[in-house]
Amino acid sequence: MLEIRIHCKFLPQNFDHLENFISPIDYLPLNNNQKAIEIKNKRFRIIQEAKRQWLNYFLNIYEIKIQEYEQQYQNEFIQLESLFSNNNDKTMLNNIKGHINNRINRLKKDIYDKTASFRRIILQNRQRSSSTKNVIDVSPEPYLDLISNPFDKRQWNYLSFVENHLTGYPHLIPRNNAIFKQYSDHLLDYLNQSYFTPLSYKDQLISHEQAQILGSIRRIIQNRNLIIRVTDKGNNFYIGSAVEFEQKATKFFSDTNAFIELSCNPFNEILDKVIQLLNTLRGKDLIRKWQYEQMMPDRTTCELAHLYFNPKTHKDGIPVRPIESTIHASTTKISKFSDKILRPIFDAKCKDTTIIDGASLITELSKYNKKGLLKSTTLFCTFDIRNLYTMLPQEETLDTHMKFLHVHGYRKVKGISIDTIKKLASIILKDNVFAYGKKIYKQTTGGAMG
């Protein structure tokens, strides 16, 4: 029931009292729209996070109550079991167990059957309630980098619904897991069935309504010269001025000074260079045939890489993160092959000093604590490196790469010499060219980020 309330954005009324405790914005800068937007969004996030914490507290209390009731039930049942055991009446005990299980299953079914009607009632009450019109919800919403919201409630809910379902974090399940094959087969069957089955009248109405909403959103974006992007680490959309977003991109190019603008498209030149390198290495028997085939680009499908930016709404000033799409670039197959043979070495040698996520951090802290090193005086320090990928000198990066392999005793990896690996890595780093807008750039410091 609570899950439906969250999905329908209609929490119990006491949750909305939080907004009364956090004072409204009585003052906004008169001549600084960007500062005003920042203040409004900070207030929104403070209230939303407070509601989420309060909701988490309520859920914890609810879980504790369930555990207490379960413990009480177990204690009573043990006493009952002991009573019947003393009287050697197992038949009556089994009948009672069966009755309890049937009753539990009936209650579960009743709750499931009532869920749909409860959802409908919640939606109706929410639509009738005037208090929910401007209430801040706990579910993610787009980050609005504008002084006022140009979308109506229906359009805004659609944008929130789309980002919640399309930008969620993927589950870390190995790709070779059988569940992927099962899911793929079920999905294909469902798509085929849906494609060849005529839409019901209800689904036609829903599709028509969604098409109208989507069309109206597109018109607003075009008419107001707005931009929509997936946020970096935010699991939601960013909506802002296209002009101001382009200024952020320009600032990134200026701050990093890691790119040069080219006067002509070097795509064919780079592709020929990659093919020539692979042919030379294969001709000298420095790489095997299967390695050569895995790294050779397909001239019919290759294309120039392109750059785009995702906004970092979790940071002050909302800087941008560059993402280079190199999926069909000339050097992509070399890059993938190199990663496949070198990453296992790095992971194995650096696993004791590498933290990859929150679960990894907790595991390492637990080990640290067991050694007696985690004390009340222990200091935790965090730091953020801005534009890391555009700060690393390319030659130094290549030298460090080779030194790493030497230090750990590698002279060859999968039959490929370190000198050959350096040549392959060099063409990946030094021939990184991409399109952005109507211009073509070459990266002169660091490597591609994506």
Protein backbone atom coordinates (compact mmCIF):
# COMPACT_ATOMS: atom_id res chain seq x y z
CA MET A 1 0.00 0.00 0.00
CA LEU A 2 2.80 2.37 0.90
CA GLU A 3 4.55 1.51 -2.37
CA ILE A 4 1.41 2.56 -4.27
CA ARG A 5 1.25 5.80 -2.30
CA ILE A 6 4.86 6.55 -3.25
CA HIS A 7 4.25 5.70 -6.92
CA CYS A 8 1.08 7.82 -7.00
CA LYS A 9 2.87 10.65 -5.16
CA PHE A 10 0.23 10.72 -2.43
CA LEU A 11 1.95 10.04 0.88
CA PRO A 12 0.12 10.18 4.21
CA GLN A 13 -0.67 13.79 5.11
CA ASN A 14 1.74 13.98 8.06
CA PHE A 15 4.68 13.71 5.62
CA ASP A 16 3.67 17.01 4.04
CA HIS A 17 3.96 18.79 7.40
CA LEU A 18 7.72 18.83 6.85
CA GLU A 19 7.30 21.64 4.34
CA ASN A 20 5.74 23.79 7.04
CA PHE A 21 8.77 23.32 9.27
CA ILE A 22 11.22 24.35 6.53
CA SER A 23 10.48 27.99 5.86
CA PRO A 24 9.48 29.03 2.33
CA ILE A 25 11.78 31.14 0.19
CA ASP A 26 11.05 34.69 1.31
CA TYR A 27 14.01 36.16 -0.55
CA LEU A 28 15.46 35.49 -3.98
CA PRO A 29 18.26 37.49 -5.66
CA LEU A 30 16.72 40.15 -7.87
CA ASN A 31 19.29 40.23 -10.67
CA ASN A 32 20.82 36.78 -10.46
CA ASN A 33 18.57 34.10 -11.94
CA GLN A 34 21.22 31.39 -11.62
CA LYS A 35 21.55 32.01 -7.87
CA ALA A 36 17.78 32.03 -7.48
CA ILE A 37 17.52 28.68 -9.31
CA GLU A 38 20.28 27.25 -7.10
CA ILE A 39 18.50 28.34 -3.90
CA LYS A 40 15.16 26.86 -5.01
CA ASN A 41 16.73 23.54 -5.99
CA LYS A 42 18.68 23.31 -2.72
CA ARG A 43 15.49 23.87 -0.72
CA PHE A 44 13.73 21.22 -2.82
CA ARG A 45 16.51 18.69 -2.21
CA ILE A 46 16.64 19.40 1.55
CA ILE A 47 12.89 18.80 1.90
CA GLN A 48 12.93 15.75 -0.36
CA GLU A 49 15.83 14.17 1.52
CA ALA A 50 14.16 14.90 4.88
CA LYS A 51 10.97 13.20 3.67
CA ARG A 52 12.97 10.21 2.46
CA GLN A 53 14.68 9.87 5.84
CA TRP A 54 11.36 10.19 7.63
CA LEU A 55 9.85 7.59 5.31
CA ASN A 56 12.80 5.28 5.99
CA TYR A 57 12.25 5.74 9.71
CA PHE A 58 8.57 4.80 9.36
CA LEU A 59 9.51 1.71 7.34
CA ASN A 60 12.05 0.66 9.99
CA ILE A 61 9.41 0.99 12.74
CA TYR A 62 7.00 -1.03 10.60
CA GLU A 63 9.60 -3.77 10.11
CA ILE A 64 10.30 -3.89 13.86
CA LYS A 65 6.56 -4.26 14.58
CA ILE A 66 6.31 -7.12 12.08
CA GLN A 67 9.26 -8.87 13.73
CA GLU A 68 7.68 -8.43 17.16
CA TYR A 69 4.35 -9.87 15.96
CA GLU A 70 6.18 -12.75 14.28
CA GLN A 71 8.09 -13.49 17.49
CA GLN A 72 4.87 -13.32 19.49
CA TYR A 73 3.22 -15.73 17.04
CA GLN A 74 6.15 -18.17 17.25
CA ASN A 75 6.09 -18.11 21.07
CA GLU A 76 2.35 -18.77 21.20
CA PHE A 77 2.59 -21.54 18.62
CA ILE A 78 5.44 -23.24 20.52
CA GLN A 79 3.28 -23.25 23.64
CA LEU A 80 0.37 -24.69 21.67
CA GLU A 81 2.64 -27.30 20.09
CA SER A 82 3.95 -28.28 23.52
CA LEU A 83 0.39 -28.63 24.83
CA PHE A 84 -0.68 -30.98 22.05
CA SER A 85 2.57 -32.93 22.21
CA ASN A 86 1.93 -33.69 25.85
CA ASN A 87 -1.51 -35.00 24.93
CA ASN A 88 -0.10 -36.96 21.93
CA ASP A 89 -2.64 -35.25 19.65
CA LYS A 90 -0.64 -34.52 16.47
CA THR A 91 -3.71 -34.70 14.21
CA MET A 92 -5.31 -31.69 15.87
CA LEU A 93 -1.99 -29.78 15.69
CA ASN A 94 -1.64 -30.50 11.96
CA ASN A 95 -5.23 -29.35 11.38
CA ILE A 96 -4.52 -26.10 13.19
CA LYS A 97 -1.32 -25.58 11.11
CA GLY A 98 -3.29 -26.18 7.91
CA HIS A 99 -6.02 -23.74 8.99
CA ILE A 100 -3.42 -21.06 9.81
CA ASN A 101 -1.65 -21.48 6.47
CA ASN A 102 -4.94 -21.35 4.55
CA ARG A 103 -5.94 -18.23 6.44
CA ILE A 104 -2.59 -16.57 5.65
CA ASN A 105 -2.91 -17.40 1.95
CA ARG A 106 -6.49 -16.04 1.87
CA LEU A 107 -5.37 -12.80 3.52
CA LYS A 108 -2.54 -12.43 0.99
CA LYS A 109 -4.96 -12.97 -1.89
CA ASP A 110 -7.45 -10.47 -0.45
CA ILE A 111 -4.69 -7.85 -0.12
CA TYR A 112 -3.54 -8.51 -3.70
CA ASP A 113 -7.11 -8.25 -5.02
CA LYS A 114 -7.70 -4.98 -3.18
CA THR A 115 -4.45 -3.41 -4.43
CA ALA A 116 -5.90 -2.34 -7.80
CA SER A 117 -8.94 -0.69 -6.23
CA PHE A 118 -6.76 0.93 -3.56
CA ARG A 119 -4.55 2.38 -6.30
CA ARG A 120 -7.64 3.80 -8.05
CA ILE A 121 -8.91 5.37 -4.81
CA ILE A 122 -5.50 6.90 -4.09
CA LEU A 123 -5.34 8.43 -7.58
CA GLN A 124 -8.87 9.85 -7.25
CA ASN A 125 -8.14 11.34 -3.82
CA ARG A 126 -4.90 12.84 -5.08
CA GLN A 127 -6.64 14.48 -8.04
CA ARG A 128 -9.32 15.95 -5.76
CA SER A 129 -6.86 17.12 -3.12
CA SER A 130 -5.73 20.73 -3.52
CA SER A 131 -2.97 20.22 -0.94
CA THR A 132 -0.98 17.94 -3.28
CA LYS A 133 -0.67 20.40 -6.15
CA ASN A 134 2.68 21.85 -5.07
CA VAL A 135 3.86 19.26 -2.58
CA ILE A 136 7.42 17.98 -2.85
CA ASP A 137 7.50 14.21 -3.33
CA VAL A 138 10.06 11.57 -2.32
CA SER A 139 10.41 9.98 -5.77
CA PRO A 140 13.03 11.40 -8.20
CA GLU A 141 12.01 14.30 -10.44
CA PRO A 142 13.85 16.12 -13.23
CA TYR A 143 16.33 18.78 -12.14
CA LEU A 144 14.92 22.09 -13.41
CA ASP A 145 17.68 24.61 -14.13
CA LEU A 146 15.15 27.34 -14.95
CA ILE A 147 13.60 30.17 -12.95
CA SER A 148 10.07 28.83 -13.64
CA ASN A 149 8.63 25.51 -14.78
CA PRO A 150 7.31 25.67 -18.38
CA PHE A 151 5.60 22.25 -18.13
CA ASP A 152 2.13 21.56 -16.79
CA LYS A 153 1.47 18.85 -14.20
CA ARG A 154 0.69 16.18 -16.74
CA GLN A 155 3.84 16.84 -18.77
CA TRP A 156 5.97 16.99 -15.61
CA ASN A 157 4.60 13.67 -14.34
CA TYR A 158 5.37 12.11 -17.72
CA LEU A 159 8.98 13.34 -17.57
CA SER A 160 9.29 11.99 -14.02
CA PHE A 161 7.79 8.65 -15.03
CA VAL A 162 10.15 8.24 -18.00
CA GLU A 163 13.33 9.04 -16.04
CA ASN A 164 12.35 6.70 -13.20
CA HIS A 165 12.05 3.76 -15.56
CA LEU A 166 14.76 4.43 -18.14
CA THR A 167 17.66 5.74 -16.07
CA GLY A 168 17.71 3.31 -13.16
CA TYR A 169 20.98 1.74 -12.14
CA PRO A 170 21.61 -1.67 -13.76
CA HIS A 171 21.84 -4.75 -11.55
CA LEU A 172 25.36 -6.14 -11.42
CA ILE A 173 24.58 -9.63 -12.74
CA PRO A 174 27.27 -11.39 -14.82
CA ARG A 175 26.38 -11.37 -18.51
CA ASN A 176 26.97 -15.12 -18.80
CA ASN A 177 24.26 -15.81 -16.22
CA ALA A 178 21.48 -18.05 -17.60
CA ILE A 179 18.86 -15.53 -16.44
CA PHE A 180 19.87 -13.18 -19.26
CA LYS A 181 19.05 -15.84 -21.88
CA GLN A 182 15.71 -16.56 -20.19
CA TYR A 183 14.88 -12.86 -19.97
CA SER A 184 15.90 -12.32 -23.60
CA ASP A 185 13.67 -15.19 -24.79
CA HIS A 186 10.70 -13.99 -22.72
CA LEU A 187 11.17 -10.42 -23.93
CA LEU A 188 11.34 -11.53 -27.58
CA ASP A 189 8.16 -13.60 -27.19
CA TYR A 190 6.39 -10.69 -25.53
CA LEU A 191 7.47 -8.22 -28.22
CA ASN A 192 6.37 -10.57 -31.01
CA GLN A 193 3.05 -11.15 -29.30
CA SER A 194 2.52 -7.44 -28.68
CA TYR A 195 3.52 -6.52 -32.24
CA PHE A 196 1.16 -8.96 -33.94
CA THR A 197 -1.75 -8.47 -31.51
CA PRO A 198 -4.05 -5.49 -32.28
CA LEU A 199 -4.16 -2.89 -29.53
CA SER A 200 -7.23 -2.83 -27.34
CA TYR A 201 -9.37 0.29 -27.42
CA LYS A 202 -8.09 1.26 -23.96
CA ASP A 203 -4.44 0.88 -25.03
CA GLN A 204 -5.14 2.93 -28.16
CA LEU A 205 -6.47 5.76 -25.99
CA ILE A 206 -3.44 5.56 -23.68
CA SER A 207 -1.03 5.57 -26.66
CA HIS A 208 -2.81 8.53 -28.21
CA GLU A 209 -2.69 10.46 -24.91
CA GLN A 210 1.01 9.72 -24.43
CA ALA A 211 1.77 10.80 -28.01
CA GLN A 212 -0.03 14.11 -27.37
CA ILE A 213 1.90 14.70 -24.14
CA LEU A 214 5.22 13.85 -25.79
CA GLY A 215 4.42 16.16 -28.72
CA SER A 216 3.58 19.04 -26.37
CA ILE A 217 6.85 18.48 -24.45
CA ARG A 218 8.83 18.57 -27.69
CA ARG A 219 7.18 21.82 -28.77
CA ILE A 220 8.04 23.46 -25.43
CA ILE A 221 11.66 22.32 -25.73
CA GLN A 222 11.96 23.64 -29.29
CA ASN A 223 10.10 26.92 -28.73
CA ARG A 224 12.02 27.80 -25.56
CA ASN A 225 15.38 26.47 -26.79
CA LEU A 226 15.72 24.03 -23.90
CA ILE A 227 17.83 20.91 -23.49
CA ILE A 228 17.14 17.59 -21.74
CA ARG A 229 20.02 15.42 -20.55
CA VAL A 230 20.44 12.45 -18.20
CA THR A 231 22.24 13.69 -15.09
CA ASP A 232 25.59 12.31 -14.00
CA LYS A 233 25.04 10.05 -10.94
CA GLY A 234 21.62 11.60 -10.37
CA ASN A 235 19.23 9.01 -11.83
CA ASN A 236 17.02 11.75 -13.25
CA PHE A 237 16.74 14.24 -16.10
CA TYR A 238 18.24 17.72 -16.31
CA ILE A 239 16.19 20.42 -18.04
CA GLY A 240 17.78 23.78 -18.75
CA SER A 241 18.62 26.45 -21.29
CA ALA A 242 20.45 25.12 -24.36
CA VAL A 243 22.46 28.36 -24.57
CA GLU A 244 23.65 28.15 -20.94
CA PHE A 245 24.43 24.44 -21.31
CA GLU A 246 26.59 25.20 -24.34
CA GLN A 247 28.42 27.79 -22.24
CA LYS A 248 29.25 25.05 -19.73
CA ALA A 249 30.66 22.91 -22.56
CA THR A 250 32.73 25.84 -23.82
CA LYS A 251 34.06 26.38 -20.30
CA PHE A 252 35.08 22.71 -20.12
CA PHE A 253 37.12 23.01 -23.33
CA SER A 254 38.71 26.21 -22.04
CA ASP A 255 39.51 24.90 -18.53
CA THR A 256 41.02 21.59 -19.65
CA ASN A 257 42.98 22.91 -22.66
CA ALA A 258 43.28 19.26 -23.73
CA PHE A 259 41.80 19.51 -27.21
CA ILE A 260 42.65 21.18 -30.51
CA GLU A 261 40.16 22.00 -33.23
CA LEU A 262 40.92 20.43 -36.60
CA SER A 263 40.31 22.11 -39.95
CA CYS A 264 39.50 18.84 -41.77
CA ASN A 265 38.08 15.41 -41.01
CA PRO A 266 40.92 12.88 -40.47
CA PHE A 267 38.61 9.85 -40.31
CA ASN A 268 39.97 8.08 -43.40
CA GLU A 269 43.55 8.86 -42.40
CA ILE A 270 43.08 7.35 -38.92
CA LEU A 271 41.27 4.29 -40.27
CA ASP A 272 44.08 3.64 -42.76
CA LYS A 273 46.64 4.13 -40.00
CA VAL A 274 44.92 1.55 -37.77
CA ILE A 275 44.66 -1.00 -40.59
CA GLN A 276 48.30 -0.42 -41.57
CA LEU A 277 49.49 -0.93 -37.97
CA LEU A 278 47.57 -4.18 -37.60
CA ASN A 279 48.79 -5.44 -40.98
CA THR A 280 52.39 -4.65 -40.00
CA LEU A 281 52.10 -6.39 -36.63
CA ARG A 282 50.48 -9.42 -38.23
CA GLY A 283 53.08 -9.48 -41.04
CA LYS A 284 55.88 -9.60 -38.46
CA ASP A 285 53.97 -12.29 -36.53
CA LEU A 286 53.79 -10.00 -33.47
CA ILE A 287 50.08 -10.77 -33.06
CA ARG A 288 48.21 -13.97 -33.83
CA LYS A 289 45.58 -14.33 -36.54
CA TRP A 290 42.63 -14.45 -34.13
CA GLN A 291 43.94 -11.37 -32.32
CA TYR A 292 44.37 -9.58 -35.64
CA GLU A 293 40.79 -10.40 -36.65
CA GLN A 294 39.36 -9.25 -33.31
CA MET A 295 41.09 -5.84 -33.55
CA MET A 296 40.57 -5.14 -37.26
CA PRO A 297 37.95 -2.38 -37.80
CA ASP A 298 35.13 -2.81 -40.31
CA ARG A 299 35.36 -0.04 -42.89
CA THR A 300 31.65 -0.33 -43.70
CA THR A 301 30.48 0.35 -40.14
CA CYS A 302 33.21 2.65 -38.76
CA GLU A 303 32.37 6.26 -38.07
CA LEU A 304 33.86 9.25 -36.30
CA ALA A 305 33.35 9.32 -32.52
CA HIS A 306 31.16 12.07 -31.09
CA LEU A 307 31.15 13.92 -27.78
CA TYR A 308 28.26 14.90 -25.53
CA PHE A 309 27.97 16.14 -21.95
CA ASN A 310 26.00 15.05 -18.89
CA PRO A 311 25.39 17.68 -16.18
CA LYS A 312 26.67 17.08 -12.64
CA THR A 313 23.68 18.38 -10.69
CA HIS A 314 25.15 17.07 -7.43
CA LYS A 315 27.96 19.66 -7.64
CA ASP A 316 27.86 23.44 -7.18
CA GLY A 317 27.56 25.35 -10.41
CA ILE A 318 26.45 22.19 -12.27
CA PRO A 319 29.63 21.47 -14.25
CA VAL A 320 29.47 18.96 -17.09
CA ARG A 321 30.96 15.51 -17.55
CA PRO A 322 32.21 14.69 -21.06
CA ILE A 323 31.09 11.39 -22.55
CA GLU A 324 32.77 10.26 -25.75
CA SER A 325 30.77 7.79 -27.80
CA THR A 326 33.36 5.65 -29.59
CA ILE A 327 31.24 2.57 -30.24
CA HIS A 328 31.99 2.64 -34.00
CA ALA A 329 35.37 4.43 -33.90
CA SER A 330 38.35 3.04 -35.79
CA THR A 331 40.30 2.17 -32.61
CA THR A 332 37.39 0.75 -30.61
CA LYS A 333 38.13 -2.92 -31.35
CA ILE A 334 41.78 -2.46 -30.35
CA SER A 335 40.62 -0.74 -27.15
CA LYS A 336 38.18 -3.55 -26.28
CA PHE A 337 40.77 -6.24 -26.98
CA SER A 338 43.41 -4.45 -24.88
CA ASP A 339 40.95 -4.06 -22.01
CA LYS A 340 40.06 -7.75 -22.16
CA ILE A 341 43.66 -8.93 -21.77
CA LEU A 342 44.96 -6.21 -19.42
CA ARG A 343 42.09 -5.54 -17.01
CA PRO A 344 42.30 -8.96 -15.29
CA ILE A 345 45.96 -8.25 -14.54
CA PHE A 346 45.19 -4.83 -13.07
CA ASP A 347 42.25 -6.16 -11.02
CA ALA A 348 44.36 -9.00 -9.61
CA LYS A 349 47.37 -6.86 -8.70
CA CYS A 350 45.47 -3.85 -7.35
CA LYS A 351 42.49 -5.49 -5.64
CA ASP A 352 43.87 -4.75 -2.15
CA THR A 353 44.14 -1.02 -2.82
CA THR A 354 41.08 -0.47 -5.02
CA ILE A 355 37.57 0.46 -3.86
CA ILE A 356 35.01 0.02 -6.64
CA ASP A 357 31.70 0.74 -4.86
CA GLY A 358 29.97 1.13 -1.50
CA ALA A 359 29.83 -2.63 -0.81
CA SER A 360 33.56 -2.90 -1.52
CA LEU A 361 34.25 -0.04 0.92
CA ILE A 362 32.22 -1.71 3.69
CA THR A 363 34.11 -4.98 3.13
CA GLU A 364 37.49 -3.28 3.36
CA LEU A 365 36.46 -1.29 6.46
CA SER A 366 35.38 -4.54 8.10
CA LYS A 367 38.83 -6.05 7.40
CA TYR A 368 40.46 -2.87 8.70
CA ASN A 369 38.40 -3.06 11.87
CA LYS A 370 39.25 -6.73 12.50
CA LYS A 371 42.94 -5.80 12.43
CA GLY A 372 42.24 -3.32 15.24
CA LEU A 373 43.15 -0.32 13.06
CA LEU A 374 39.74 1.38 13.05
CA LYS A 375 39.73 3.64 16.11
CA SER A 376 37.83 6.66 17.40
CA THR A 377 40.76 8.83 16.27
CA THR A 378 40.75 7.46 12.71
CA LEU A 379 40.28 10.21 10.15
CA PHE A 380 38.37 9.66 6.90
CA CYS A 381 39.40 11.90 4.01
CA THR A 382 37.76 12.27 0.61
CA PHE A 383 38.88 14.30 -2.36
CA ASP A 384 37.60 15.01 -5.83
CA ILE A 385 39.85 15.26 -8.91
CA ARG A 386 38.34 17.54 -11.49
CA ASN A 387 38.70 16.52 -15.14
CA LEU A 388 41.02 13.60 -14.35
CA TYR A 389 40.83 12.08 -17.83
CA THR A 390 42.06 15.29 -19.45
CA MET A 391 45.00 15.83 -17.06
CA LEU A 392 47.14 12.76 -17.74
CA PRO A 393 50.06 13.30 -20.18
CA GLN A 394 49.79 10.68 -22.91
CA GLU A 395 53.46 9.67 -23.10
CA GLU A 396 53.71 9.41 -19.32
CA THR A 397 50.55 7.32 -19.28
CA LEU A 398 52.01 4.90 -21.80
CA ASP A 399 55.31 4.66 -19.88
CA THR A 400 53.44 4.02 -16.60
CA HIS A 401 51.40 1.35 -18.34
CA MET A 402 54.54 -0.49 -19.49
CA LYS A 403 56.28 -0.05 -16.13
CA PHE A 404 53.30 -1.60 -14.36
CA LEU A 405 53.58 -4.74 -16.49
CA HIS A 406 57.37 -4.90 -16.01
CA VAL A 407 57.14 -4.53 -12.21
CA HIS A 408 54.72 -7.45 -12.01
CA GLY A 409 56.91 -9.70 -14.15
CA TYR A 410 55.09 -9.53 -17.47
CA ARG A 411 57.11 -9.49 -20.71
CA LYS A 412 54.24 -10.77 -22.79
CA VAL A 413 50.45 -10.84 -22.34
CA LYS A 414 48.53 -13.49 -24.30
CA GLY A 415 51.60 -13.90 -26.48
CA ILE A 416 51.84 -10.17 -27.28
CA SER A 417 55.05 -8.37 -26.31
CA ILE A 418 54.94 -5.28 -24.12
CA ASP A 419 56.39 -3.18 -26.95
CA THR A 420 53.50 -4.25 -29.21
CA ILE A 421 50.98 -3.51 -26.44
CA LYS A 422 52.47 0.00 -26.18
CA LYS A 423 52.01 0.56 -29.92
CA LEU A 424 48.38 -0.53 -29.69
CA ALA A 425 47.74 1.68 -26.64
CA SER A 426 49.49 4.60 -28.33
CA ILE A 427 47.19 4.65 -31.35
CA ILE A 428 44.16 4.52 -29.02
CA LEU A 429 45.37 7.52 -27.01
CA LYS A 430 47.00 9.68 -29.66
CA ASP A 431 44.46 9.27 -32.46
CA ASN A 432 41.41 10.12 -30.39
CA VAL A 433 39.38 12.38 -32.68
CA PHE A 434 35.69 13.20 -32.30
CA ALA A 435 32.93 15.50 -33.49
CA TYR A 436 31.12 17.95 -31.25
CA GLY A 437 28.43 20.10 -32.79
CA LYS A 438 29.71 21.08 -36.23
CA LYS A 439 33.39 20.97 -35.24
CA ILE A 440 36.02 18.22 -35.08
CA TYR A 441 38.53 17.99 -32.22
CA LYS A 442 41.59 15.93 -31.37
CA GLN A 443 42.51 15.14 -27.76
CA THR A 444 46.13 16.02 -26.99
CA THR A 445 46.18 15.31 -23.25
CA GLY A 446 44.61 12.34 -21.48
CA GLY A 447 42.22 9.81 -22.95
CA ALA A 448 38.59 9.32 -23.87
CA MET A 449 35.97 9.27 -21.12
CA GLY A 450 32.80 7.34 -21.53
